[in-house]
Protein backbone atom coordinates (compact mmCIF):
# COMPACT_ATOMS: atom_id res chain seq x y z
CA MET A 1 60.20 55.75 -59.18
CA LYS A 2 63.37 57.80 -58.85
CA ILE A 3 63.66 60.88 -61.02
CA ALA A 4 67.12 61.81 -62.29
CA THR A 5 68.77 65.10 -63.17
CA ALA A 6 70.50 65.68 -66.48
CA GLN A 7 73.88 65.55 -64.73
CA GLN A 8 73.05 62.22 -63.09
CA MET A 9 72.13 60.74 -66.46
CA ARG A 10 75.37 61.99 -67.99
CA GLU A 11 77.30 60.40 -65.13
CA MET A 12 75.49 57.08 -65.60
CA ASP A 13 76.35 57.13 -69.31
CA ARG A 14 79.97 57.94 -68.54
CA ALA A 15 80.30 55.17 -65.96
CA ALA A 16 78.69 52.61 -68.25
CA ILE A 17 80.96 53.50 -71.15
CA GLN A 18 84.27 54.31 -69.47
CA GLU A 19 84.18 52.09 -66.38
CA ARG A 20 82.09 49.13 -67.56
CA GLY A 21 83.30 49.06 -71.16
CA ILE A 22 79.86 49.24 -72.76
CA ALA A 23 80.01 50.68 -76.28
CA SER A 24 78.30 54.04 -76.54
CA THR A 25 76.90 53.01 -79.92
CA LEU A 26 75.26 49.98 -78.28
CA LEU A 27 73.48 52.23 -75.79
CA MET A 28 72.44 54.51 -78.64
CA GLU A 29 71.05 51.65 -80.72
CA ASN A 30 69.14 50.27 -77.74
CA ALA A 31 67.61 53.70 -77.17
CA ALA A 32 66.77 53.99 -80.86
CA ARG A 33 65.06 50.59 -80.90
CA ALA A 34 62.79 51.70 -78.07
CA VAL A 35 61.94 54.91 -79.93
CA ALA A 36 61.31 53.00 -83.16
CA ARG A 37 59.01 50.52 -81.42
CA ALA A 38 56.95 53.39 -80.05
CA ALA A 39 56.85 55.07 -83.48
CA VAL A 40 55.68 51.88 -85.19
CA SER A 41 52.93 51.46 -82.59
CA VAL A 42 51.77 55.04 -83.08
CA ALA A 43 51.87 54.76 -86.86
CA GLU A 44 49.91 51.51 -86.91
CA ALA A 45 47.13 53.15 -84.92
CA ARG A 46 46.59 55.61 -87.78
CA PRO A 47 44.17 54.92 -90.66
CA GLU A 48 45.79 52.94 -93.45
CA ARG A 49 46.53 54.53 -96.80
CA PRO A 50 46.00 51.86 -99.49
CA GLY A 51 48.80 51.50 -101.98
CA ARG A 52 51.72 52.72 -99.86
CA PRO A 53 53.55 51.70 -96.71
CA ARG A 54 53.54 53.67 -93.48
CA ARG A 55 55.68 56.81 -93.48
CA ALA A 56 57.90 58.37 -90.82
CA VAL A 57 59.93 61.57 -90.63
CA CYS A 58 62.83 61.67 -88.18
CA PHE A 59 64.02 65.15 -87.21
CA CYS A 60 67.58 64.69 -85.93
CA GLY A 61 69.94 67.09 -84.24
CA ALA A 62 73.72 66.95 -84.55
CA GLY A 63 74.28 65.58 -81.02
CA ASN A 64 73.77 62.17 -79.53
CA ASN A 65 70.02 62.67 -79.27
CA GLY A 66 70.13 63.17 -83.02
CA GLY A 67 72.09 59.92 -83.25
CA ASP A 68 69.16 58.20 -81.53
CA GLY A 69 66.91 59.58 -84.26
CA VAL A 70 69.20 58.51 -87.11
CA ALA A 71 69.40 54.99 -85.72
CA ALA A 72 65.63 54.94 -85.17
CA ALA A 73 65.20 55.85 -88.85
CA ARG A 74 67.17 52.73 -89.80
CA PHE A 75 65.06 50.52 -87.57
CA LEU A 76 61.88 52.02 -89.00
CA MET A 77 63.14 51.23 -92.51
CA GLU A 78 63.80 47.65 -91.42
CA ALA A 79 60.21 47.53 -90.13
CA GLY A 80 58.99 48.26 -93.66
CA MET A 81 58.25 51.97 -93.35
CA GLU A 82 59.16 54.74 -95.78
CA VAL A 83 61.46 57.01 -93.82
CA ARG A 84 63.04 60.42 -94.30
CA ALA A 85 65.77 61.27 -91.79
CA VAL A 86 66.51 64.98 -91.63
CA LEU A 87 69.51 66.70 -90.07
CA VAL A 88 68.46 69.88 -88.31
CA GLY A 89 71.89 71.30 -87.56
CA ARG A 90 75.36 71.65 -88.98
CA ARG A 91 77.19 68.56 -90.19
CA GLU A 92 80.50 69.73 -88.75
CA LYS A 93 78.84 69.67 -85.31
CA MET A 94 77.78 66.01 -85.51
CA THR A 95 79.15 63.82 -82.74
CA SER A 96 81.15 60.74 -83.65
CA ASP A 97 78.30 58.43 -82.60
CA CYS A 98 75.81 60.38 -84.65
CA ARG A 99 78.12 60.05 -87.68
CA GLU A 100 78.40 56.32 -87.08
CA MET A 101 74.59 56.03 -87.07
CA GLU A 102 74.52 57.95 -90.36
CA ARG A 103 77.02 55.47 -91.82
CA ARG A 104 74.88 52.54 -90.71
CA LEU A 105 71.77 54.18 -92.15
CA GLU A 106 73.49 54.65 -95.51
CA ALA A 107 74.63 51.02 -95.47
CA LYS A 108 70.94 50.06 -95.36
CA GLY A 109 70.10 52.31 -98.30
CA GLY A 110 68.91 55.31 -96.33
CA SER A 111 70.30 58.83 -96.08
CA LEU A 112 70.45 61.74 -93.68
CA GLU A 113 69.28 64.72 -95.69
CA ASP A 114 69.64 68.38 -94.84
CA PHE A 115 66.64 70.20 -93.38
CA THR A 116 64.90 72.14 -96.17
CA PRO A 117 61.67 73.44 -94.67
CA ASP A 118 60.84 75.60 -97.68
CA ALA A 119 61.04 72.74 -100.16
CA PRO A 120 57.43 72.00 -101.27
CA ASP A 121 58.03 68.28 -101.70
CA PHE A 122 59.35 67.95 -98.15
CA ALA A 123 56.40 69.77 -96.60
CA CYS A 124 53.93 67.69 -98.60
CA TRP A 125 55.72 64.47 -97.64
CA CYS A 126 55.58 65.44 -93.97
CA LEU A 127 51.85 66.10 -94.18
CA GLU A 128 51.32 62.56 -95.43
CA ALA A 129 53.46 60.94 -92.73
CA ASP A 130 51.99 58.59 -90.14
CA VAL A 131 54.44 59.53 -87.39
CA MET A 132 57.22 62.01 -86.68
CA VAL A 133 60.23 61.33 -84.49
CA ASP A 134 61.61 64.24 -82.49
CA ALA A 135 65.34 63.70 -81.87
CA LEU A 136 66.54 67.29 -82.02
CA PHE A 137 67.76 67.85 -78.48
CA GLY A 138 68.06 65.65 -75.45
CA ILE A 139 68.31 66.52 -71.80
CA GLY A 140 71.23 68.94 -72.18
CA LEU A 141 69.31 71.84 -73.70
CA ASN A 142 69.55 75.04 -71.62
CA THR A 143 69.11 77.89 -74.11
CA PRO A 144 66.02 79.01 -76.05
CA LEU A 145 65.41 77.47 -79.45
CA ARG A 146 66.04 79.58 -82.52
CA GLY A 147 66.71 79.22 -86.23
CA ASP A 148 66.17 75.86 -87.92
CA PRO A 149 65.55 73.91 -84.68
CA LEU A 150 62.76 76.31 -83.78
CA MET A 151 61.30 75.98 -87.27
CA ALA A 152 61.45 72.18 -87.04
CA VAL A 153 59.63 72.25 -83.69
CA GLN A 154 56.95 74.51 -85.13
CA MET A 155 56.58 72.21 -88.13
CA MET A 156 56.06 69.19 -85.89
CA ASN A 157 53.51 71.08 -83.81
CA THR A 158 51.46 72.28 -86.79
CA CYS A 159 51.37 69.21 -89.06
CA ASP A 160 48.75 67.36 -87.03
CA ILE A 161 50.86 64.20 -87.19
CA PRO A 162 51.58 62.26 -83.97
CA VAL A 163 55.08 62.84 -82.57
CA VAL A 164 57.33 60.47 -80.63
CA SER A 165 60.08 62.30 -78.73
CA ALA A 166 63.40 60.66 -77.92
CA ASP A 167 64.28 61.14 -74.23
CA ILE A 168 62.45 64.46 -73.76
CA ALA A 169 60.36 66.76 -75.91
CA SER A 170 62.80 69.11 -77.65
CA GLY A 171 62.64 72.56 -76.11
CA VAL A 172 61.91 71.35 -72.57
CA GLU A 173 64.55 71.97 -69.90
CA ALA A 174 65.10 68.58 -68.28
CA ASP A 175 65.71 69.76 -64.70
CA THR A 176 62.80 72.20 -64.39
CA GLY A 177 60.17 71.51 -67.05
CA ARG A 178 60.48 75.05 -68.38
CA VAL A 179 59.86 75.51 -72.11
CA LEU A 180 62.80 77.31 -73.71
CA GLY A 181 61.15 79.46 -76.33
CA ASP A 182 58.99 76.68 -77.76
CA ALA A 183 58.86 72.92 -77.45
CA VAL A 184 57.54 69.87 -79.24
CA GLN A 185 54.07 68.73 -78.24
CA ALA A 186 54.80 65.02 -78.05
CA ASP A 187 52.15 62.32 -78.13
CA VAL A 188 54.63 59.80 -76.72
CA THR A 189 58.00 60.35 -75.05
CA VAL A 190 60.43 57.47 -74.72
CA THR A 191 63.00 58.28 -72.06
CA PHE A 192 65.94 56.18 -70.99
CA SER A 193 66.75 54.45 -67.67
CA LEU A 194 65.02 57.00 -65.41
CA PRO A 195 62.48 59.79 -65.93
CA LYS A 196 63.47 63.44 -65.54
CA VAL A 197 61.85 66.38 -63.76
CA GLY A 198 60.84 67.98 -67.05
CA HIS A 199 58.65 65.02 -67.93
CA PHE A 200 56.30 65.89 -65.08
CA LEU A 201 56.55 69.51 -63.99
CA GLY A 202 56.06 72.93 -65.54
CA GLU A 203 54.89 73.28 -69.11
CA GLY A 204 57.17 70.39 -69.96
CA GLY A 205 54.81 68.09 -68.13
CA LEU A 206 52.13 69.13 -70.61
CA ARG A 207 54.41 68.50 -73.61
CA THR A 208 55.45 64.95 -72.70
CA GLY A 209 52.39 62.99 -73.76
CA ARG A 210 52.44 59.35 -72.68
CA LEU A 211 55.75 58.61 -70.97
CA THR A 212 57.62 55.33 -71.43
CA VAL A 213 60.84 54.53 -69.58
CA ALA A 214 63.11 52.20 -71.59
CA GLU A 215 66.10 50.22 -70.38
CA ILE A 216 68.98 50.70 -72.81
CA GLY A 217 71.75 48.61 -71.31
CA ILE A 218 73.09 50.79 -68.52
CA PRO A 219 73.94 48.34 -65.70
CA LEU A 220 71.14 48.11 -63.17
CA ASP A 221 73.42 48.78 -60.24
CA LEU A 222 74.38 52.15 -61.70
CA VAL A 223 70.70 53.05 -61.91
CA LEU A 224 69.96 51.78 -58.41
CA TRP A 225 72.97 53.51 -56.87
CA THR A 226 72.06 56.86 -58.36
CA GLU A 227 71.00 58.98 -55.40
CA SER A 228 67.82 60.97 -55.82
CA ASN A 229 65.60 62.97 -53.52
CA PHE A 230 62.84 63.38 -56.08
CA TYR A 231 60.39 60.63 -57.00
CA SER A 232 57.28 60.11 -59.07
CA VAL A 233 54.36 58.34 -57.40
CA CYS A 234 52.88 55.69 -59.66
CA GLU A 235 50.49 52.78 -59.19
CA ASN A 236 53.21 50.34 -58.13
CA ASP A 237 54.30 52.71 -55.34
CA VAL A 238 50.92 52.74 -53.60
CA TYR A 239 49.94 50.22 -50.94
CA LEU A 240 47.76 49.93 -47.87
CA PRO A 241 48.70 48.40 -44.50
CA ARG A 242 47.13 45.03 -43.85
CA ARG A 243 44.36 45.07 -41.27
CA GLU A 244 44.69 42.58 -38.46
CA ARG A 245 41.80 40.18 -38.01
CA ASP A 246 41.22 41.23 -34.40
CA ALA A 247 41.41 44.98 -35.02
CA TYR A 248 38.79 47.43 -33.70
CA LYS A 249 37.86 50.97 -34.68
CA GLY A 250 40.38 52.58 -32.37
CA ASN A 251 43.19 50.92 -34.31
CA PHE A 252 42.36 52.91 -37.41
CA GLY A 253 42.58 56.42 -36.09
CA ARG A 254 40.80 58.88 -33.88
CA ASP A 255 40.60 61.74 -36.33
CA TYR A 256 39.35 65.27 -35.76
CA ILE A 257 38.20 67.81 -38.33
CA LEU A 258 37.81 71.48 -37.43
CA GLY A 259 35.98 73.50 -40.05
CA GLY A 260 32.80 75.07 -41.29
CA SER A 261 31.05 78.41 -40.88
CA VAL A 262 27.74 79.90 -41.90
CA GLY A 263 27.50 79.51 -45.66
CA TYR A 264 30.27 76.88 -45.74
CA THR A 265 28.75 73.68 -44.43
CA GLY A 266 29.84 71.50 -47.34
CA ALA A 267 33.62 71.62 -46.84
CA PRO A 268 33.86 69.82 -43.47
CA VAL A 269 31.22 67.34 -44.60
CA LEU A 270 33.20 66.42 -47.70
CA ALA A 271 36.37 66.03 -45.66
CA ALA A 272 34.62 63.81 -43.10
CA ARG A 273 32.97 61.63 -45.73
CA ALA A 274 36.31 61.21 -47.52
CA ALA A 275 38.06 60.24 -44.27
CA VAL A 276 35.43 57.61 -43.49
CA ARG A 277 35.61 56.20 -47.01
CA ALA A 278 39.42 56.10 -46.79
CA GLY A 279 39.26 53.78 -43.80
CA ALA A 280 39.33 56.05 -40.74
CA GLY A 281 38.14 54.36 -37.55
CA LEU A 282 36.55 57.31 -35.73
CA VAL A 283 35.97 60.73 -37.29
CA SER A 284 34.85 63.66 -35.14
CA VAL A 285 33.92 67.02 -36.65
CA GLY A 286 33.92 70.29 -34.74
CA VAL A 287 31.82 73.06 -36.33
CA PRO A 288 30.35 76.40 -35.17
CA GLU A 289 27.08 75.89 -33.31
CA PRO A 290 24.87 77.71 -35.89
CA ILE A 291 25.70 75.15 -38.62
CA TRP A 292 25.82 72.08 -36.40
CA PRO A 293 22.22 70.95 -37.19
CA VAL A 294 22.92 71.08 -40.93
CA VAL A 295 26.19 69.17 -40.64
CA ALA A 296 24.62 66.62 -38.31
CA MET A 297 21.89 65.96 -40.88
CA LYS A 298 24.49 65.36 -43.60
CA LEU A 299 26.78 63.05 -41.63
CA ASP A 300 25.79 59.59 -40.47
CA GLU A 301 29.16 57.88 -40.02
CA ALA A 302 31.13 60.82 -38.57
CA MET A 303 30.39 62.54 -35.25
CA PRO A 304 29.78 66.30 -35.45
CA SER A 305 29.74 68.48 -32.35
CA PRO A 306 28.85 72.17 -31.87
CA LEU A 307 31.42 74.81 -30.88
CA PRO A 308 30.96 78.38 -29.62
CA ALA A 309 30.53 80.87 -32.45
CA GLY A 310 30.50 84.62 -32.89
CA LYS A 311 27.84 86.79 -34.52
CA THR A 312 29.25 86.11 -38.00
CA GLY A 313 28.72 82.38 -37.68
CA MET A 314 32.43 81.59 -37.39
CA LEU A 315 34.33 80.11 -34.47
CA SER A 316 34.84 82.36 -31.49
CA LEU A 317 37.84 82.53 -29.16
CA GLU A 318 35.70 80.82 -26.51
CA ALA A 319 35.96 77.59 -28.50
CA THR A 320 39.74 77.37 -28.14
CA GLU A 321 40.09 75.25 -25.02
CA GLN A 322 37.31 72.87 -26.03
CA ILE A 323 38.99 72.33 -29.42
CA LEU A 324 42.42 71.93 -27.84
CA ALA A 325 41.12 69.19 -25.54
CA ARG A 326 39.64 67.34 -28.50
CA MET A 327 42.85 67.72 -30.54
CA ASN A 328 45.02 66.35 -27.75
CA SER A 329 42.86 63.24 -27.52
CA SER A 330 43.03 62.65 -31.28
CA ASP A 331 45.69 60.98 -33.42
CA VAL A 332 45.61 63.59 -36.17
CA CYS A 333 43.64 66.75 -36.94
CA LEU A 334 42.53 68.49 -40.11
CA ILE A 335 42.03 72.23 -39.65
CA GLY A 336 40.56 74.58 -42.19
CA PRO A 337 37.79 73.31 -44.49
CA GLY A 338 35.19 76.09 -44.64
CA LEU A 339 36.40 77.86 -41.45
CA GLY A 340 36.09 81.29 -43.01
CA ARG A 341 38.49 84.19 -42.85
CA GLY A 342 38.31 86.45 -39.84
CA ASN A 343 40.66 87.76 -37.19
CA GLY A 344 39.03 85.71 -34.47
CA VAL A 345 39.19 82.45 -36.43
CA ALA A 346 42.81 83.06 -37.42
CA SER A 347 43.74 83.71 -33.80
CA VAL A 348 42.11 80.45 -32.72
CA VAL A 349 44.03 78.49 -35.37
CA ARG A 350 47.37 80.03 -34.46
CA HIS A 351 46.81 79.36 -30.75
CA LEU A 352 45.94 75.75 -31.48
CA LEU A 353 49.08 75.27 -33.57
CA ARG A 354 51.28 76.70 -30.84
CA SER A 355 49.65 74.66 -28.07
CA ALA A 356 48.77 71.24 -29.52
CA HIS A 357 51.32 68.50 -30.09
CA THR A 358 49.07 66.45 -32.33
CA ALA A 359 49.82 65.91 -36.03
CA VAL A 360 47.97 68.61 -37.98
CA ILE A 361 46.92 69.03 -41.61
CA LEU A 362 46.22 72.63 -42.56
CA ASP A 363 43.96 73.29 -45.54
CA ALA A 364 42.13 76.29 -46.95
CA ASP A 365 41.39 78.82 -44.21
CA GLY A 366 43.67 76.96 -41.83
CA ILE A 367 46.49 77.91 -44.20
CA ASN A 368 45.22 81.45 -44.58
CA ALA A 369 45.48 81.90 -40.79
CA LEU A 370 49.27 81.76 -41.19
CA GLU A 371 49.42 84.73 -43.55
CA GLY A 372 51.80 87.17 -41.91
CA HIS A 373 52.40 84.70 -39.07
CA ILE A 374 54.54 82.03 -40.71
CA ASP A 375 56.68 81.97 -37.56
CA VAL A 376 53.95 79.83 -35.98
CA LEU A 377 55.38 76.88 -37.90
CA GLU A 378 58.67 77.26 -36.06
CA ALA A 379 56.94 76.35 -32.80
CA ARG A 380 55.86 73.05 -34.36
CA ARG A 381 59.26 71.82 -35.55
CA GLY A 382 59.46 68.13 -34.75
CA VAL A 383 55.66 67.75 -34.82
CA VAL A 384 54.00 66.58 -38.04
CA THR A 385 52.53 69.61 -39.77
CA ILE A 386 51.18 69.32 -43.31
CA LEU A 387 50.13 72.28 -45.44
CA THR A 388 48.08 71.75 -48.60
CA PRO A 389 48.02 75.08 -50.48
CA HIS A 390 47.22 75.82 -54.08
CA ASP A 391 49.48 78.37 -55.74
CA GLY A 392 47.56 81.42 -54.51
CA GLU A 393 47.63 80.28 -50.90
CA PHE A 394 51.29 79.35 -51.26
CA LEU A 395 52.13 82.89 -52.38
CA ARG A 396 50.24 84.35 -49.42
CA LEU A 397 52.38 82.19 -47.15
CA GLY A 398 55.50 83.77 -48.62
CA GLY A 399 56.30 81.05 -51.16
CA ASP A 400 58.18 82.14 -54.27
CA LEU A 401 57.04 80.92 -57.68
CA SER A 402 58.64 83.72 -59.70
CA SER A 403 61.24 81.44 -61.31
CA GLY A 404 58.59 79.07 -62.64
CA ASP A 405 60.33 76.19 -60.83
CA ARG A 406 57.58 74.84 -58.56
CA LEU A 407 59.73 71.96 -57.40
CA ALA A 408 62.50 74.21 -56.11
CA ALA A 409 59.94 76.51 -54.48
CA ALA A 410 58.18 73.65 -52.69
CA ARG A 411 61.42 72.11 -51.47
CA SER A 412 62.75 75.43 -50.24
CA PHE A 413 59.59 76.19 -48.26
CA ALA A 414 59.40 72.74 -46.64
CA GLN A 415 63.05 72.87 -45.63
CA GLU A 416 62.90 76.43 -44.31
CA HIS A 417 59.78 75.90 -42.21
CA GLY A 418 60.17 72.26 -41.18
CA CYS A 419 56.83 71.14 -42.57
CA CYS A 420 55.42 68.83 -45.21
CA LEU A 421 54.14 70.92 -48.12
CA VAL A 422 51.56 69.64 -50.62
CA LEU A 423 51.67 72.18 -53.45
CA LYS A 424 48.46 71.40 -55.29
CA GLY A 425 47.95 71.75 -59.02
CA HIS A 426 48.82 69.84 -62.17
CA ARG A 427 51.37 67.27 -60.97
CA THR A 428 50.92 68.04 -57.26
CA ILE A 429 54.26 68.13 -55.42
CA THR A 430 54.73 66.81 -51.89
CA ALA A 431 57.91 68.20 -50.31
CA PHE A 432 59.52 67.26 -46.99
CA PRO A 433 61.90 69.10 -44.64
CA ASP A 434 64.86 66.91 -45.65
CA GLY A 435 64.68 68.21 -49.24
CA SER A 436 63.01 65.16 -50.74
CA ALA A 437 59.91 65.54 -52.87
CA TYR A 438 57.33 63.43 -54.70
CA VAL A 439 55.40 64.34 -57.83
CA ASN A 440 51.96 62.87 -58.42
CA THR A 441 50.99 61.19 -61.69
CA THR A 442 47.20 61.00 -61.40
CA GLY A 443 44.38 63.53 -61.71
CA ASN A 444 42.70 65.59 -64.41
CA PRO A 445 41.11 69.03 -64.99
CA GLY A 446 37.68 67.77 -63.91
CA MET A 447 38.96 67.90 -60.33
CA ALA A 448 39.40 71.66 -60.53
CA LYS A 449 36.22 72.35 -58.57
CA GLY A 450 35.49 73.68 -55.12
CA GLY A 451 35.53 70.85 -52.61
CA SER A 452 38.18 68.66 -54.23
CA GLY A 453 40.78 69.91 -51.78
CA ASP A 454 38.52 69.05 -48.85
CA VAL A 455 38.34 65.48 -50.12
CA LEU A 456 42.14 65.32 -50.32
CA GLY A 457 42.43 66.62 -46.75
CA GLY A 458 40.10 63.88 -45.55
CA ILE A 459 42.11 61.14 -47.29
CA ILE A 460 45.40 62.39 -45.82
CA LEU A 461 43.73 62.51 -42.39
CA ALA A 462 42.52 58.92 -42.68
CA LEU A 463 45.84 57.44 -43.82
CA LEU A 464 47.80 59.22 -41.11
CA GLY A 465 45.29 58.11 -38.50
CA GLN A 466 45.74 54.49 -39.57
CA GLY A 467 49.37 54.59 -38.56
CA MET A 468 51.15 55.43 -41.79
CA SER A 469 54.11 57.74 -41.54
CA CYS A 470 53.80 61.20 -43.05
CA ARG A 471 56.22 60.20 -45.83
CA GLU A 472 54.04 57.21 -46.72
CA ALA A 473 50.59 58.68 -46.19
CA VAL A 474 50.75 62.03 -47.93
CA PRO A 475 52.09 61.10 -51.39
CA MET A 476 49.82 58.04 -51.42
CA ALA A 477 46.79 60.10 -50.45
CA VAL A 478 47.49 62.51 -53.30
CA TRP A 479 47.76 59.57 -55.72
CA LEU A 480 44.54 57.95 -54.47
CA HIS A 481 42.71 61.27 -54.74
CA GLY A 482 43.85 61.70 -58.34
CA ARG A 483 43.09 58.10 -59.24
CA ALA A 484 39.53 58.52 -57.96
CA GLY A 485 39.30 61.62 -60.14
CA ASP A 486 40.53 59.69 -63.16
CA LEU A 487 37.86 57.05 -62.62
CA CYS A 488 35.26 59.82 -62.51
CA ALA A 489 36.57 61.30 -65.75
CA GLU A 490 36.44 57.91 -67.46
CA GLU A 491 32.93 57.10 -66.32
CA ILE A 492 31.03 60.40 -66.25
CA GLY A 493 33.34 62.94 -67.90
CA GLU A 494 35.41 65.82 -66.62
CA TYR A 495 32.64 68.41 -66.93
CA GLY A 496 29.99 66.68 -64.84
CA MET A 497 32.10 65.10 -62.10
CA THR A 498 31.91 66.48 -58.56
CA PRO A 499 33.98 66.14 -55.37
CA GLY A 500 31.26 63.87 -54.05
CA ASP A 501 31.86 61.57 -57.02
CA LEU A 502 35.50 61.29 -55.97
CA ILE A 503 34.41 60.06 -52.54
CA GLU A 504 32.06 57.48 -54.03
CA ARG A 505 34.90 56.00 -56.09
CA LEU A 506 37.40 55.83 -53.24
CA PRO A 507 36.36 52.29 -52.23
CA ARG A 508 37.15 51.03 -55.75
CA VAL A 509 40.55 52.71 -55.72
CA LEU A 510 41.35 51.34 -52.28
CA ARG A 511 40.13 47.91 -53.35
CA GLU A 512 42.71 47.94 -56.14
CA CYS A 513 45.42 48.53 -53.56
CA GLU A 514 44.04 45.91 -51.18
CA GLY A 515 44.09 43.33 -53.92
CA LYS A 516 47.71 44.07 -54.67
CA ILE A 517 48.65 43.60 -51.01
CA ARG A 518 46.80 40.33 -50.65
CA GLU A 519 48.59 39.01 -53.72
CA LEU A 520 52.06 40.13 -52.67
CA GLY A 521 51.88 39.92 -48.88
CA PRO A 522 51.70 36.95 -46.49
CA GLN A 523 48.40 35.13 -46.37
């Protein structure tokens, strides 16, 4: 799904109102209905309080986001709830649409009262509410919260009452996900027409809660014509190529994994097992000779082979030509899982990158080999090169995260160095040299364990080897990896799950995608 900037949303609103003649109040009421529906659903999930109806508190700013909240208060009243709508701001600052929503609220017997946080009756009423609506600020906020708005945010965050945010959690910067001083911790966010960067990335991604995208009457063509180079990857975006009935193993990739060292036998094994489970046709694994017997015992479906090693149990320079020959006969290569960090190993990796013209995925110590030698990537411009760093590895490569804007940092790096960058972490970002980027929507903290990255590398390897383009394979692999992790969390819990459990659940995740293709594709 496309992700819009704040400016793009403002332009869509303007075009709908000024060029298409759609009343701004109609758009506002449609937005408010969506917010009210979500609030009713949240409230009804709470325990009933005999003898009184459900209660809602709507915190409304003076702008159009506040107008959404005022209108939502009216719809909640019509749904039979007791509602208090509160203006957190100055009345002289209210927009004309917000004033119109106040008039309509009053016509239904409601009122927009001033924010009085110190009034005991108001605080007690809030503590007995079933739901709170956050309509303080929309996507235009760009300065830190202070004064009454800050106090209102803190009240919502400390009352232990579920919060539904209109458009975006107040306090979150829409285009970066940065929290400006403080921000509402929403349980549900109802956004309009298209999601925004702040719903996914930065601390804002942690403040969004469950995200719902509501259509509010902006013409579909305006939404479709909005250009975007940033997308979220969701279930409906993931598919698998159909396998021909007469296919053989060579059709599904000749994949090569280079990894392992003494003490690090697990990493290449996890990557190989993941690649096989993700549908790879032939998976070969090159490892230093001292660990080859161990790896061979662990792998039945992949084909491990020994390579010359030095005294430390890591690859030696003598292995270079043998590896290069294997790479050039493969469709795609994964370099790095468990390789170890040493001058000799790093030299081998850099030589391979300069000499081979095969698509390469660099993970772990394959990435570390580029520290201080980022120019090696320049020699591979035009050849698929994928880097999968976590934040620490990204910084060692020269990436800049000082602004807190991970999206901008990932895009800048991918464009500057002509590579595909998978910046791992909460909401993993996949950035491409043309400036486009994809944010993942699956995964959980239980995946934060050694070996999870090796599994991801194996899935990317397998999808690329099966003929998917880099733009298709990498974001989908990240989604599949996270979805497998979510299944693990559901079934065995985040604490006890392991990278091996991710691999075991890959067939189920892939089966979900296969079923979708059979249903939608030609029979």
